[in-house]
Amino acid sequence: MQGNHNEIEKRLWDAAEELRNRYAELCTNSYQECDVLYAKNDNLRRTRKLLLPKLISCEVDVEKIEVQIPNNGGA
């Protein structure tokens, strides 16, 4: 009876390990993308913090700047 219990426990452990590995495989790209997006957001916040006071006080002239916005397919 003990041998049967050990075999069942081993199968459950192997299945759980396989599930953890599959989860890690599926989610790694998402986690990496989140890290990149957090870094980009942090950069945007710092840029805004530096530029906004200069824009408000007219230290930076944006009158003749042409802005090109990429088309992201409606996103």
N, C-alpha and C. Protein backbone atom coordinates (compact mmCIF):
# COMPACT_ATOMS: atom_id res chain seq x y z
N MET A 1 0.82 -1.20 0.00
CA MET A 1 0.00 0.00 0.00
C MET A 1 0.86 1.27 0.00
N GLN A 2 1.94 1.25 0.79
CA GLN A 2 2.84 2.40 0.87
C GLN A 2 3.48 2.69 -0.48
N GLY A 3 3.87 1.65 -1.24
CA GLY A 3 4.46 1.83 -2.56
C GLY A 3 3.50 2.51 -3.51
N ASN A 4 2.23 2.15 -3.46
CA ASN A 4 1.21 2.77 -4.30
C ASN A 4 1.04 4.25 -3.94
N HIS A 5 1.07 4.53 -2.67
CA HIS A 5 0.95 5.92 -2.21
C HIS A 5 2.13 6.75 -2.71
N ASN A 6 3.33 6.19 -2.64
CA ASN A 6 4.52 6.90 -3.12
C ASN A 6 4.45 7.15 -4.62
N GLU A 7 3.95 6.20 -5.37
CA GLU A 7 3.82 6.36 -6.83
C GLU A 7 2.83 7.47 -7.17
N ILE A 8 1.72 7.50 -6.46
CA ILE A 8 0.72 8.56 -6.69
C ILE A 8 1.32 9.92 -6.34
N GLU A 9 2.02 9.98 -5.23
CA GLU A 9 2.66 11.24 -4.81
C GLU A 9 3.68 11.71 -5.85
N LYS A 10 4.47 10.78 -6.38
CA LYS A 10 5.46 11.10 -7.41
C LYS A 10 4.77 11.63 -8.66
N ARG A 11 3.69 10.99 -9.09
CA ARG A 11 2.96 11.45 -10.28
C ARG A 11 2.40 12.86 -10.07
N LEU A 12 1.84 13.11 -8.89
CA LEU A 12 1.31 14.44 -8.60
C LEU A 12 2.42 15.49 -8.60
N TRP A 13 3.55 15.15 -8.00
CA TRP A 13 4.68 16.08 -7.97
C TRP A 13 5.18 16.38 -9.37
N ASP A 14 5.29 15.33 -10.21
CA ASP A 14 5.74 15.51 -11.59
C ASP A 14 4.76 16.38 -12.38
N ALA A 15 3.46 16.14 -12.18
CA ALA A 15 2.45 16.93 -12.88
C ALA A 15 2.52 18.40 -12.44
N ALA A 16 2.70 18.63 -11.15
CA ALA A 16 2.79 20.00 -10.64
C ALA A 16 4.03 20.69 -11.20
N GLU A 17 5.13 19.96 -11.28
CA GLU A 17 6.35 20.54 -11.83
C GLU A 17 6.17 20.88 -13.31
N GLU A 18 5.53 19.99 -14.04
CA GLU A 18 5.26 20.23 -15.45
C GLU A 18 4.37 21.46 -15.62
N LEU A 19 3.38 21.59 -14.75
CA LEU A 19 2.48 22.75 -14.81
C LEU A 19 3.24 24.04 -14.50
N ARG A 20 4.11 24.01 -13.49
CA ARG A 20 4.91 25.19 -13.16
C ARG A 20 5.82 25.58 -14.32
N ASN A 21 6.43 24.58 -14.95
CA ASN A 21 7.31 24.87 -16.08
C ASN A 21 6.54 25.46 -17.25
N ARG A 22 5.38 24.93 -17.53
CA ARG A 22 4.55 25.43 -18.64
C ARG A 22 4.09 26.86 -18.35
N TYR A 23 3.68 27.12 -17.10
CA TYR A 23 3.27 28.46 -16.69
C TYR A 23 4.42 29.45 -16.88
N ALA A 24 5.61 29.06 -16.43
CA ALA A 24 6.79 29.94 -16.57
C ALA A 24 7.07 30.21 -18.04
N GLU A 25 6.95 29.18 -18.85
CA GLU A 25 7.19 29.33 -20.29
C GLU A 25 6.20 30.30 -20.93
N LEU A 26 4.94 30.20 -20.53
CA LEU A 26 3.91 31.06 -21.11
C LEU A 26 3.99 32.50 -20.60
N CYS A 27 4.39 32.66 -19.36
CA CYS A 27 4.33 34.00 -18.74
C CYS A 27 5.62 34.80 -18.81
N THR A 28 6.72 34.16 -19.13
CA THR A 28 8.01 34.87 -19.14
C THR A 28 7.96 36.10 -20.04
N ASN A 29 7.44 35.96 -21.24
CA ASN A 29 7.38 37.10 -22.17
C ASN A 29 6.51 38.21 -21.61
N SER A 30 5.39 37.85 -20.98
CA SER A 30 4.51 38.87 -20.41
C SER A 30 5.21 39.64 -19.30
N TYR A 31 5.91 38.92 -18.43
CA TYR A 31 6.63 39.58 -17.35
C TYR A 31 7.73 40.49 -17.90
N GLN A 32 8.43 40.03 -18.92
CA GLN A 32 9.48 40.85 -19.53
C GLN A 32 8.87 42.10 -20.17
N GLU A 33 7.74 41.94 -20.84
CA GLU A 33 7.07 43.08 -21.45
C GLU A 33 6.62 44.08 -20.39
N CYS A 34 6.12 43.58 -19.27
CA CYS A 34 5.73 44.47 -18.17
C CYS A 34 6.93 45.26 -17.67
N ASP A 35 8.07 44.61 -17.53
CA ASP A 35 9.28 45.31 -17.08
C ASP A 35 9.66 46.43 -18.04
N VAL A 36 9.57 46.14 -19.33
CA VAL A 36 9.89 47.15 -20.35
C VAL A 36 8.91 48.31 -20.27
N LEU A 37 7.62 48.00 -20.14
CA LEU A 37 6.60 49.06 -20.08
C LEU A 37 6.74 49.90 -18.81
N TYR A 38 7.07 49.28 -17.68
CA TYR A 38 7.31 50.05 -16.45
C TYR A 38 8.48 51.01 -16.64
N ALA A 39 9.54 50.54 -17.29
CA ALA A 39 10.70 51.40 -17.54
C ALA A 39 10.34 52.55 -18.46
N LYS A 40 9.55 52.27 -19.50
CA LYS A 40 9.13 53.34 -20.43
C LYS A 40 8.25 54.35 -19.71
N ASN A 41 7.33 53.88 -18.87
CA ASN A 41 6.47 54.80 -18.12
C ASN A 41 7.29 55.67 -17.17
N ASP A 42 8.28 55.06 -16.53
CA ASP A 42 9.15 55.83 -15.64
C ASP A 42 9.90 56.91 -16.41
N ASN A 43 10.39 56.56 -17.60
CA ASN A 43 11.08 57.52 -18.44
C ASN A 43 10.13 58.65 -18.86
N LEU A 44 8.91 58.31 -19.22
CA LEU A 44 7.93 59.34 -19.59
C LEU A 44 7.62 60.27 -18.42
N ARG A 45 7.48 59.70 -17.21
CA ARG A 45 7.22 60.53 -16.03
C ARG A 45 8.37 61.51 -15.79
N ARG A 46 9.61 61.01 -15.89
CA ARG A 46 10.77 61.89 -15.67
C ARG A 46 10.84 62.97 -16.74
N THR A 47 10.56 62.62 -17.98
CA THR A 47 10.57 63.59 -19.07
C THR A 47 9.50 64.65 -18.85
N ARG A 48 8.31 64.21 -18.47
CA ARG A 48 7.22 65.17 -18.19
C ARG A 48 7.61 66.10 -17.05
N LYS A 49 8.21 65.54 -16.01
CA LYS A 49 8.61 66.34 -14.85
C LYS A 49 9.62 67.41 -15.24
N LEU A 50 10.50 67.09 -16.17
CA LEU A 50 11.50 68.05 -16.63
C LEU A 50 10.93 69.08 -17.61
N LEU A 51 10.06 68.62 -18.52
CA LEU A 51 9.59 69.50 -19.58
C LEU A 51 8.39 70.37 -19.21
N LEU A 52 7.49 69.85 -18.42
CA LEU A 52 6.25 70.60 -18.15
C LEU A 52 6.51 71.99 -17.57
N PRO A 53 7.36 72.16 -16.58
CA PRO A 53 7.61 73.52 -16.09
C PRO A 53 8.20 74.44 -17.16
N LYS A 54 9.04 73.90 -18.03
CA LYS A 54 9.63 74.72 -19.10
C LYS A 54 8.57 75.11 -20.14
N LEU A 55 7.64 74.20 -20.40
CA LEU A 55 6.56 74.52 -21.34
C LEU A 55 5.63 75.58 -20.76
N ILE A 56 5.31 75.45 -19.50
CA ILE A 56 4.40 76.40 -18.86
C ILE A 56 5.02 77.79 -18.79
N SER A 57 6.33 77.85 -18.53
CA SER A 57 7.00 79.15 -18.42
C SER A 57 7.48 79.67 -19.77
N CYS A 58 7.18 78.96 -20.84
CA CYS A 58 7.56 79.33 -22.21
C CYS A 58 9.07 79.34 -22.43
N GLU A 59 9.81 78.59 -21.64
CA GLU A 59 11.24 78.45 -21.87
C GLU A 59 11.51 77.61 -23.12
N VAL A 60 10.57 76.75 -23.45
CA VAL A 60 10.70 75.90 -24.63
C VAL A 60 9.63 76.34 -25.62
N ASP A 61 10.05 76.68 -26.83
CA ASP A 61 9.12 77.11 -27.86
C ASP A 61 8.73 75.90 -28.71
N VAL A 62 7.47 75.58 -28.72
CA VAL A 62 6.98 74.43 -29.49
C VAL A 62 6.13 74.87 -30.68
N GLU A 63 6.16 76.14 -30.97
CA GLU A 63 5.33 76.71 -32.04
C GLU A 63 5.58 76.05 -33.39
N LYS A 64 6.83 75.79 -33.72
CA LYS A 64 7.15 75.29 -35.06
C LYS A 64 7.51 73.80 -35.09
N ILE A 65 7.22 73.10 -34.01
CA ILE A 65 7.52 71.66 -33.96
C ILE A 65 6.43 70.89 -34.70
N GLU A 66 6.87 69.99 -35.58
CA GLU A 66 5.92 69.12 -36.26
C GLU A 66 5.91 67.78 -35.54
N VAL A 67 4.72 67.34 -35.18
CA VAL A 67 4.58 66.08 -34.45
C VAL A 67 4.01 65.04 -35.39
N GLN A 68 4.69 63.91 -35.46
CA GLN A 68 4.20 62.80 -36.27
C GLN A 68 3.79 61.69 -35.31
N ILE A 69 2.53 61.33 -35.39
CA ILE A 69 2.01 60.27 -34.52
C ILE A 69 1.88 59.00 -35.34
N PRO A 70 2.54 57.92 -34.92
CA PRO A 70 2.47 56.67 -35.69
C PRO A 70 1.06 56.08 -35.62
N ASN A 71 0.67 55.44 -36.69
CA ASN A 71 -0.62 54.77 -36.73
C ASN A 71 -0.47 53.38 -36.16
N ASN A 72 -1.14 53.14 -35.04
CA ASN A 72 -1.05 51.84 -34.37
C ASN A 72 -2.28 51.00 -34.64
N GLY A 73 -2.87 51.13 -35.79
CA GLY A 73 -4.02 50.32 -36.14
C GLY A 73 -5.23 50.63 -35.29
N GLY A 74 -5.37 51.87 -34.88
CA GLY A 74 -6.52 52.26 -34.07
C GLY A 74 -6.34 52.00 -32.59
N ALA A 75 -5.16 51.56 -32.19
CA ALA A 75 -4.92 51.28 -30.78
C ALA A 75 -4.61 52.54 -30.03
